[in-house]
Amino acid sequence: MIIRDPSPEDEAAWRRLWSAYNAFYNATVPEAVTQVTWRRILDPQSPIFARLAEDHGEVIGFSVSVLHEGTWTTEPICYLEDLFVDPDRRRQGAGRLLLQDLVDRARAERWSRLYWHTRVNNPARALYNQFATADDFVRYRLMLDR
């Protein structure tokens, strides 16, 4: 299994996983947003980037992250916005590899921190807890784009 950058040829595989990821969260992402997200992923000037987990030539998982600045550090901060592994391919190490890939990149590129959110009942928390400790912050959301 390898973790790699996406290429334009990966769009169909990524979209299949993206659709399953959104279904997992009972989310509906408009097609126009999905198209822009894919373009941003491929744009080296975008702060959004993705990594793909590939096993024997098949894309089985992805992470999508956003690099941003912050007010408490001078180094970049990485927000892992999306991480998903095909349900039929879970428990084979893809999620762990995707997370470790980000940790390794964060250290190599001297990012100040890496963080992510998930639902309290997400079974993936067993994996996440091996990388970091959940904190006591509460997230507030004000949806303005609908």
Foldseek 3Di string as FASTA:
>chain_A
DDKAFDDPVCLVLVVVFVVVQCVVVVHDDDPVVVVVLVVLQPDPVHQKHKMFDDDPRHTFWMWIWGWDDDDVDRFIEIEGEDITGHPVPPPPCRRVNRVVVVVVVCVVRVHPYYDYDDDPPDPCVVVVVVPDDDDDDDDDDDDDPD
